[in-house]
Amino acid sequence: MGLVWSVSVISLTLTWSRFFSKPSLRSRNTIFTLGTRGAVISPTELEAPILVPHTAQCGEQRYPFEALFRSQHYALLHNSCREYLFICEFFVVSGPAAHDVFHAVMGRTLAMTLKHLESYLADCYDAIAVFLCIHIVLRFRNIAAKRDVPALDRYWEQVLALLWPRFELILEMNVQSVRSTDPQRLGGLDTRPHYVRADHSRYAEFSSELVSINQTIPNERTLQLLGQLQVEVENFVLQVAAEFSSRKEQLVFLINNYDMMLGVLMERAAEDSKEVESFQQLLNARTQEFIEELLSPCFGGLVAFVKEAEGLIERGQADRLRGEEARVTQLIRGFGSSWKASVESLSQDVMRSFTNFQNGTSIIQGALTQLIQLYHRFHRVLAQPQLRALPARAELINIHHLMVELKKHKPNF
């Protein structure tokens, strides 16, 4: 039986190149996206019937490497288990003796399979294929353990000893590629994620695909490597943002790119993954900063006064507010006469700046909420005894009326 199986494996290995579809480095989508390839480690596909070389050749079908790897190693697993159990029963042996007989029968087959794998990996840059092969091995190793067949234990370790270093090397090459990119050579920049978006989207897809696979059988080393890649991508985004002259443009660029990457990550990775959490925090922080930048031109005077007044009140120096009557009167009247035009202007500004309308809507709503909170704090400051008798207080807009009016400015994209 072992001889027949060895001949079959040799035949399968030699014919692989005829119907193996190897991803091209020129077509980056094939090596950075998972698509339907992840099905190879699903319960139904993992133990599906093996691929028959001559049938695949007749149909001119081509397969990604991990599909062929799964087929070959499923055949290897199935036949090795039968061979090992037959040896134990027929020769009445167990333990080391059974291992010796098994490797006398299957040793050359296993060695040839390892050699073929090593040859393929030497020129492989498809991290997803290698990572899927790792997870195929982990699953087949578990199946062999459940069948109480330890004969392949050393072989599985040898395969993983080939796959893991190559996977880590490919990830480290991606990290170095991002690290060595010079933002100044990118040409004309735009705050919207155009061609830079392609690289960021590719990173987000690539990272989320690996995270989704890794979640099935978590590995800390994989998370560490993905963490290094994420740090370099974050640094690169900051370097590109620094090329813009104004802080507002920098923030628009950062928000657009963080939002795009977060959207891709959330489609594939769990919401509580480190990658999703990290970009969510970055997006929230830059969004809050942008809202402050957005409100500053029209309402900066009001913001400054409220902060100063609240500080005086906290320090017990509220009497100093008595000298601010003229300033307060100007703020009250200026707000009453210009807030509607200002809100309309900032809404249009946001609509022009953000490619994701939903994100733009959220930013406008955040700005309007912060404006209401600011005006409410202004009311509380003017309620202090030192300013309570100010005649201009009669011109203050009622908070509830302001809320009703601001709702009319809610954008409808």
Protein backbone atom coordinates (compact mmCIF):
# COMPACT_ATOMS: atom_id res chain seq x y z
CA MET A 1 0.00 0.00 0.00
CA GLY A 2 2.81 2.41 0.91
CA LEU A 3 4.49 1.98 -2.50
CA VAL A 4 1.24 2.70 -4.33
CA TRP A 5 0.68 5.81 -2.23
CA SER A 6 4.25 7.04 -2.82
CA VAL A 7 3.85 6.72 -6.59
CA SER A 8 0.54 8.63 -6.37
CA VAL A 9 2.10 11.50 -4.45
CA ILE A 10 5.02 11.73 -6.88
CA SER A 11 2.58 11.84 -9.80
CA LEU A 12 0.50 14.52 -8.11
CA THR A 13 3.54 16.66 -7.28
CA LEU A 14 5.01 16.50 -10.76
CA THR A 15 1.73 17.55 -12.39
CA TRP A 16 1.02 20.45 -10.03
CA SER A 17 2.85 22.99 -12.17
CA ARG A 18 0.46 22.32 -15.05
CA PHE A 19 -2.63 23.57 -13.26
CA PHE A 20 -1.22 25.70 -10.45
CA SER A 21 -2.27 29.36 -10.68
CA LYS A 22 0.54 31.36 -9.07
CA PRO A 23 -0.33 34.96 -8.12
CA SER A 24 1.56 37.59 -10.09
CA LEU A 25 3.36 40.38 -8.28
CA ARG A 26 2.06 42.72 -10.96
CA SER A 27 -1.49 41.89 -9.94
CA ARG A 28 -1.33 42.95 -6.32
CA ASN A 29 -4.97 42.17 -5.62
CA THR A 30 -4.21 38.46 -5.93
CA ILE A 31 -1.74 38.47 -3.05
CA PHE A 32 -3.31 41.08 -0.76
CA THR A 33 -6.93 39.91 -0.76
CA LEU A 34 -8.50 36.71 0.45
CA GLY A 35 -11.69 36.58 -1.59
CA THR A 36 -13.05 33.02 -1.47
CA ARG A 37 -9.65 31.49 -0.75
CA GLY A 38 -10.38 31.30 2.98
CA ALA A 39 -12.93 28.56 2.31
CA VAL A 40 -10.02 26.11 2.07
CA ILE A 41 -9.86 25.93 5.89
CA SER A 42 -13.61 25.67 6.40
CA PRO A 43 -14.85 22.31 7.78
CA THR A 44 -16.52 21.40 4.49
CA GLU A 45 -13.56 22.24 2.24
CA LEU A 46 -10.83 21.02 4.58
CA GLU A 47 -11.83 17.36 4.18
CA ALA A 48 -13.29 17.62 0.69
CA PRO A 49 -12.26 15.00 -1.90
CA ILE A 50 -8.73 15.43 -3.21
CA LEU A 51 -8.05 17.03 -6.58
CA VAL A 52 -7.32 14.51 -9.31
CA PRO A 53 -4.49 15.78 -11.58
CA HIS A 54 -5.65 14.32 -14.90
CA THR A 55 -9.23 15.50 -14.29
CA ALA A 56 -8.06 19.03 -13.55
CA GLN A 57 -5.85 18.98 -16.64
CA CYS A 58 -8.71 17.90 -18.89
CA GLY A 59 -10.89 20.70 -17.57
CA GLU A 60 -8.02 23.22 -17.83
CA GLN A 61 -8.73 24.24 -14.25
CA ARG A 62 -6.18 26.19 -12.24
CA TYR A 63 -5.99 26.49 -8.47
CA PRO A 64 -4.24 28.69 -5.91
CA PHE A 65 -1.36 26.97 -4.15
CA GLU A 66 -3.18 26.49 -0.85
CA ALA A 67 -5.91 24.45 -2.61
CA LEU A 68 -3.31 22.06 -4.01
CA PHE A 69 -1.49 21.99 -0.70
CA ARG A 70 -4.73 21.08 1.07
CA SER A 71 -5.51 18.33 -1.43
CA GLN A 72 -2.06 16.77 -1.24
CA HIS A 73 -1.85 16.90 2.53
CA TYR A 74 -5.38 15.62 3.01
CA ALA A 75 -4.42 12.61 0.89
CA LEU A 76 -1.21 12.32 2.89
CA LEU A 77 -3.11 12.51 6.17
CA HIS A 78 -5.76 9.99 5.16
CA ASN A 79 -3.38 7.41 3.72
CA SER A 80 -0.77 7.83 6.45
CA CYS A 81 -3.38 7.18 9.13
CA ARG A 82 -4.48 4.01 7.33
CA GLU A 83 -0.87 2.95 6.78
CA TYR A 84 0.12 3.51 10.40
CA LEU A 85 -2.89 1.67 11.81
CA PHE A 86 -2.29 -1.21 9.37
CA ILE A 87 1.37 -1.43 10.44
CA CYS A 88 0.44 -1.49 14.13
CA GLU A 89 -2.13 -4.23 13.58
CA PHE A 90 -0.32 -6.36 11.01
CA PHE A 91 3.15 -6.30 12.59
CA VAL A 92 1.81 -6.10 16.15
CA VAL A 93 4.03 -3.13 16.97
CA SER A 94 3.56 0.21 18.70
CA GLY A 95 5.54 3.23 19.84
CA PRO A 96 9.05 3.68 18.34
CA ALA A 97 8.89 0.35 16.52
CA ALA A 98 5.72 1.37 14.69
CA HIS A 99 7.32 4.72 13.84
CA ASP A 100 10.37 3.01 12.36
CA VAL A 101 8.30 0.78 10.10
CA PHE A 102 6.07 3.68 9.06
CA HIS A 103 9.02 5.87 8.07
CA ALA A 104 10.63 2.97 6.24
CA VAL A 105 7.51 2.85 4.08
CA MET A 106 6.64 6.59 3.85
CA GLY A 107 9.94 8.34 4.54
CA ARG A 108 10.90 9.05 0.93
CA THR A 109 7.42 10.32 0.14
CA LEU A 110 7.50 12.72 3.06
CA ALA A 111 11.02 13.88 2.16
CA MET A 112 10.01 14.53 -1.45
CA THR A 113 6.95 16.49 -0.37
CA LEU A 114 9.06 18.66 1.94
CA LYS A 115 11.58 19.28 -0.84
CA HIS A 116 8.83 20.37 -3.23
CA LEU A 117 7.36 22.71 -0.61
CA GLU A 118 10.78 24.21 0.14
CA SER A 119 11.34 24.83 -3.57
CA TYR A 120 7.99 26.62 -3.91
CA LEU A 121 8.47 28.78 -0.83
CA ALA A 122 11.86 30.04 -2.01
CA ASP A 123 10.08 32.15 -4.64
CA CYS A 124 6.76 32.78 -2.88
CA TYR A 125 5.56 36.25 -1.87
CA ASP A 126 1.93 35.35 -1.27
CA ALA A 127 1.59 35.73 2.51
CA ILE A 128 -2.06 34.72 2.45
CA ALA A 129 -1.29 31.43 0.68
CA VAL A 130 1.49 30.62 3.15
CA PHE A 131 -0.68 31.55 6.13
CA LEU A 132 -3.55 29.40 4.86
CA CYS A 133 -1.13 26.49 4.47
CA ILE A 134 -0.03 26.99 8.07
CA HIS A 135 -3.63 26.78 9.23
CA ILE A 136 -4.28 23.75 7.07
CA VAL A 137 -1.36 21.99 8.79
CA LEU A 138 -2.60 23.02 12.24
CA ARG A 139 -6.01 21.54 11.48
CA PHE A 140 -4.67 18.34 9.94
CA ARG A 141 -2.33 17.89 12.90
CA ASN A 142 -5.35 18.09 15.22
CA ILE A 143 -7.21 15.52 13.10
CA ALA A 144 -4.24 13.14 13.25
CA ALA A 145 -4.09 13.55 17.03
CA LYS A 146 -7.80 12.76 17.34
CA ARG A 147 -7.23 9.60 15.29
CA ASP A 148 -4.37 8.70 17.66
CA VAL A 149 -1.83 8.63 14.83
CA PRO A 150 1.45 10.24 15.99
CA ALA A 151 3.46 9.05 12.98
CA LEU A 152 3.19 12.43 11.21
CA ASP A 153 4.01 14.60 14.22
CA ARG A 154 7.61 15.20 13.13
CA TYR A 155 6.51 15.83 9.54
CA TRP A 156 3.99 18.49 10.61
CA GLU A 157 6.73 20.24 12.59
CA GLN A 158 9.04 20.15 9.57
CA VAL A 159 6.35 21.68 7.35
CA LEU A 160 5.64 24.44 9.88
CA ALA A 161 9.39 25.04 10.19
CA LEU A 162 9.35 25.89 6.47
CA LEU A 163 6.10 27.87 6.41
CA TRP A 164 6.47 30.10 9.46
CA PRO A 165 9.85 31.68 8.56
CA ARG A 166 8.68 32.40 5.01
CA PHE A 167 5.45 33.95 6.24
CA GLU A 168 7.34 36.12 8.72
CA LEU A 169 9.84 37.15 6.03
CA ILE A 170 7.07 38.23 3.65
CA LEU A 171 5.41 40.29 6.39
CA GLU A 172 8.74 41.85 7.34
CA MET A 173 9.29 42.75 3.67
CA ASN A 174 5.92 44.51 3.66
CA VAL A 175 6.88 46.38 6.83
CA GLN A 176 10.17 47.48 5.27
CA SER A 177 8.43 48.51 2.05
CA VAL A 178 6.09 50.86 3.93
CA ARG A 179 8.95 52.14 6.12
CA SER A 180 11.13 53.04 3.13
CA THR A 181 8.44 54.89 1.15
CA ASP A 182 9.19 58.61 0.73
CA PRO A 183 5.98 60.72 0.85
CA GLN A 184 7.69 63.54 -1.05
CA ARG A 185 7.97 61.34 -4.12
CA LEU A 186 4.23 60.79 -4.34
CA GLY A 187 3.63 63.88 -6.46
CA GLY A 188 0.62 66.17 -6.07
CA LEU A 189 -1.33 65.41 -2.91
CA ASP A 190 -5.04 65.63 -2.23
CA THR A 191 -6.82 65.48 1.12
CA ARG A 192 -9.10 62.84 -0.35
CA PRO A 193 -7.72 59.27 -0.35
CA HIS A 194 -7.06 58.83 -4.08
CA TYR A 195 -4.01 56.81 -5.18
CA VAL A 196 -2.67 56.78 -1.61
CA ARG A 197 -6.00 55.21 -0.74
CA ALA A 198 -5.17 52.21 -2.92
CA ASP A 199 -2.14 51.37 -0.80
CA HIS A 200 -3.99 52.03 2.46
CA SER A 201 -6.98 49.99 1.31
CA ARG A 202 -4.63 47.21 0.27
CA TYR A 203 -3.00 47.27 3.71
CA ALA A 204 -6.41 47.24 5.42
CA GLU A 205 -7.63 44.33 3.30
CA PHE A 206 -4.39 42.40 3.72
CA SER A 207 -4.26 42.95 7.48
CA SER A 208 -7.92 42.17 8.04
CA GLU A 209 -7.66 38.96 5.99
CA LEU A 210 -4.78 37.72 8.14
CA VAL A 211 -6.56 38.80 11.33
CA SER A 212 -9.73 36.93 10.31
CA ILE A 213 -7.72 33.76 9.62
CA ASN A 214 -5.66 34.14 12.79
CA GLN A 215 -8.82 34.46 14.90
CA THR A 216 -9.67 30.82 14.15
CA ILE A 217 -6.45 29.57 15.80
CA PRO A 218 -4.81 32.62 17.45
CA ASN A 219 -1.05 33.04 17.20
CA GLU A 220 0.72 35.79 19.13
CA ARG A 221 3.66 36.06 16.70
CA THR A 222 1.25 36.85 13.86
CA LEU A 223 -0.35 39.60 15.93
CA GLN A 224 3.09 41.06 16.68
CA LEU A 225 4.04 41.16 13.00
CA LEU A 226 0.72 42.71 12.03
CA GLY A 227 1.24 45.23 14.84
CA GLN A 228 4.60 46.23 13.33
CA LEU A 229 2.99 46.62 9.91
CA GLN A 230 0.21 48.75 11.39
CA VAL A 231 2.69 51.05 13.15
CA GLU A 232 4.55 51.64 9.88
CA VAL A 233 1.31 52.35 8.02
CA GLU A 234 0.21 54.80 10.72
CA ASN A 235 3.59 56.54 10.57
CA PHE A 236 3.41 56.72 6.79
CA VAL A 237 -0.06 58.28 6.90
CA LEU A 238 1.24 60.90 9.36
CA GLN A 239 4.25 61.61 7.12
CA VAL A 240 2.00 62.17 4.10
CA ALA A 241 -0.35 64.35 6.16
CA ALA A 242 2.63 66.51 7.19
CA GLU A 243 3.07 67.48 3.52
CA PHE A 244 -0.08 69.63 3.73
CA SER A 245 0.47 73.22 4.82
CA SER A 246 -2.53 73.74 7.13
CA ARG A 247 -3.56 71.69 10.13
CA LYS A 248 -7.11 71.55 8.83
CA GLU A 249 -6.01 69.93 5.57
CA GLN A 250 -3.86 67.50 7.51
CA LEU A 251 -6.84 66.49 9.62
CA VAL A 252 -9.09 66.04 6.60
CA PHE A 253 -6.49 63.75 5.00
CA LEU A 254 -6.05 61.74 8.21
CA ILE A 255 -9.78 61.36 8.82
CA ASN A 256 -10.48 60.27 5.24
CA ASN A 257 -7.74 57.65 5.32
CA TYR A 258 -8.44 56.38 8.84
CA ASP A 259 -12.12 56.11 7.98
CA MET A 260 -11.40 54.20 4.77
CA MET A 261 -9.03 51.73 6.47
CA LEU A 262 -11.39 51.26 9.39
CA GLY A 263 -14.27 50.50 7.03
CA VAL A 264 -12.27 47.78 5.28
CA LEU A 265 -11.05 46.29 8.56
CA MET A 266 -14.55 46.15 10.05
CA GLU A 267 -15.84 44.22 7.03
CA ARG A 268 -13.50 41.33 7.79
CA ALA A 269 -12.06 41.54 11.31
CA ALA A 270 -13.91 41.38 14.61
CA GLU A 271 -14.94 44.73 16.08
CA ASP A 272 -12.86 44.08 19.19
CA SER A 273 -9.66 43.33 17.26
CA LYS A 274 -6.61 45.45 18.07
CA GLU A 275 -6.48 46.82 14.52
CA VAL A 276 -10.09 48.01 14.55
CA GLU A 277 -9.76 49.46 18.03
CA SER A 278 -6.55 51.31 17.15
CA PHE A 279 -7.90 52.96 14.00
CA GLN A 280 -11.18 53.77 15.75
CA GLN A 281 -9.27 55.63 18.45
CA LEU A 282 -7.19 57.48 15.85
CA LEU A 283 -10.30 58.41 13.89
CA ASN A 284 -12.14 59.64 17.00
CA ALA A 285 -9.19 61.74 18.16
CA ARG A 286 -8.60 63.41 14.79
CA THR A 287 -12.35 63.93 14.28
CA GLN A 288 -12.62 65.76 17.59
CA GLU A 289 -9.63 67.90 16.72
CA PHE A 290 -11.13 68.68 13.31
CA ILE A 291 -14.44 69.73 14.87
CA GLU A 292 -12.55 72.19 17.03
CA GLU A 293 -10.74 73.50 13.96
CA LEU A 294 -14.07 73.72 12.14
CA LEU A 295 -15.74 75.79 14.87
CA SER A 296 -12.77 78.05 15.52
CA PRO A 297 -13.11 80.57 12.64
CA CYS A 298 -16.77 81.37 13.36
CA PHE A 299 -17.03 80.70 17.09
CA GLY A 300 -13.44 80.95 18.30
CA GLY A 301 -14.13 84.13 20.28
CA LEU A 302 -17.00 82.48 22.12
CA VAL A 303 -14.91 79.38 22.86
CA ALA A 304 -12.05 81.49 24.24
CA PHE A 305 -14.31 83.55 26.50
CA VAL A 306 -16.18 80.54 27.92
CA LYS A 307 -12.91 78.77 28.75
CA GLU A 308 -11.47 81.89 30.40
CA ALA A 309 -14.66 82.57 32.36
CA GLU A 310 -14.99 79.00 33.59
CA GLY A 311 -11.38 79.12 34.69
CA LEU A 312 -11.98 82.31 36.72
CA ILE A 313 -15.08 80.80 38.33
CA GLU A 314 -13.22 77.60 39.29
CA ARG A 315 -10.42 79.66 40.87
CA GLY A 316 -12.87 81.84 42.83
CA GLN A 317 -12.10 84.95 40.74
CA ALA A 318 -15.55 85.47 39.23
CA ASP A 319 -15.49 89.19 40.19
CA ARG A 320 -13.09 89.74 37.31
CA LEU A 321 -16.01 89.07 34.97
CA ARG A 322 -17.38 92.53 35.76
CA GLY A 323 -14.89 94.06 33.35
CA GLU A 324 -16.07 91.87 30.46
CA GLU A 325 -19.47 93.45 29.82
CA ALA A 326 -18.54 94.97 26.47
CA ARG A 327 -16.91 91.79 25.26
CA VAL A 328 -19.88 89.68 26.34
CA THR A 329 -22.36 92.02 24.65
CA GLN A 330 -20.42 91.77 21.40
CA LEU A 331 -20.35 87.98 21.63
CA ILE A 332 -24.11 87.75 22.26
CA ARG A 333 -24.99 89.98 19.31
CA GLY A 334 -22.37 88.52 17.01
CA PHE A 335 -23.62 84.98 17.64
CA GLY A 336 -27.27 85.98 17.17
CA SER A 337 -26.60 87.64 13.82
CA SER A 338 -24.21 85.14 12.25
CA TRP A 339 -24.72 81.63 13.65
CA LYS A 340 -27.07 80.45 10.89
CA ALA A 341 -24.72 81.54 8.09
CA SER A 342 -21.77 80.07 9.98
CA VAL A 343 -23.47 76.69 10.42
CA GLU A 344 -24.38 76.60 6.74
CA SER A 345 -20.80 77.44 5.79
CA LEU A 346 -19.24 74.75 7.95
CA SER A 347 -21.76 72.19 6.68
CA GLN A 348 -20.77 72.91 3.09
CA ASP A 349 -17.11 72.78 4.08
CA VAL A 350 -17.55 69.28 5.51
CA MET A 351 -19.50 68.12 2.45
CA ARG A 352 -16.62 69.16 0.22
CA SER A 353 -13.93 67.65 2.42
CA PHE A 354 -15.06 64.10 3.11
CA THR A 355 -15.56 61.32 0.61
CA ASN A 356 -17.65 59.22 3.00
CA PHE A 357 -20.97 61.05 3.30
CA GLN A 358 -21.92 59.07 6.38
CA ASN A 359 -18.71 60.15 8.05
CA GLY A 360 -19.33 63.73 6.95
CA THR A 361 -22.81 63.63 8.45
CA SER A 362 -21.38 62.36 11.72
CA ILE A 363 -18.83 65.17 11.79
CA ILE A 364 -21.46 67.85 11.18
CA GLN A 365 -23.67 66.37 13.88
CA GLY A 366 -20.71 66.34 16.24
CA ALA A 367 -19.94 69.96 15.45
CA LEU A 368 -23.57 71.03 16.01
CA THR A 369 -23.71 69.09 19.29
CA GLN A 370 -20.52 70.75 20.46
CA LEU A 371 -21.90 74.15 19.46
CA ILE A 372 -25.04 73.58 21.54
CA GLN A 373 -22.94 72.51 24.51
CA LEU A 374 -20.75 75.59 24.08
CA TYR A 375 -23.74 77.94 24.01
CA HIS A 376 -25.23 76.22 27.04
CA ARG A 377 -21.96 76.82 28.93
CA PHE A 378 -22.11 80.45 27.79
CA HIS A 379 -25.60 80.73 29.31
CA ARG A 380 -24.31 79.35 32.62
CA VAL A 381 -21.45 81.86 32.70
CA LEU A 382 -23.86 84.73 32.06
CA ALA A 383 -26.02 83.47 34.94
CA GLN A 384 -23.24 84.44 37.36
CA PRO A 385 -24.12 87.41 39.65
CA GLN A 386 -21.42 89.55 38.01
CA LEU A 387 -23.14 89.33 34.57
CA ARG A 388 -26.73 88.59 35.49
CA ALA A 389 -27.86 92.22 35.13
CA LEU A 390 -26.23 92.71 31.72
CA PRO A 391 -28.93 94.17 29.37
CA ALA A 392 -27.68 92.14 26.38
CA ARG A 393 -28.69 88.91 28.16
CA ALA A 394 -32.20 89.57 26.88
CA GLU A 395 -30.87 88.98 23.38
CA LEU A 396 -29.58 85.49 24.18
CA ILE A 397 -31.08 82.76 22.02
CA ASN A 398 -33.04 80.20 24.01
CA ILE A 399 -31.18 76.88 24.15
CA HIS A 400 -34.20 74.81 23.13
CA HIS A 401 -34.96 77.18 20.27
CA LEU A 402 -31.35 76.87 19.12
CA MET A 403 -31.59 73.07 19.21
CA VAL A 404 -34.74 73.13 17.11
CA GLU A 405 -33.16 75.49 14.58
CA LEU A 406 -29.95 73.44 14.36
CA LYS A 407 -31.95 70.31 13.56
CA LYS A 408 -33.04 72.07 10.38
CA HIS A 409 -29.39 72.18 9.35
CA LYS A 410 -28.94 68.42 9.65
CA PRO A 411 -27.40 67.39 6.34
CA ASN A 412 -29.28 65.05 4.04
CA PHE A 413 -26.67 63.48 1.80
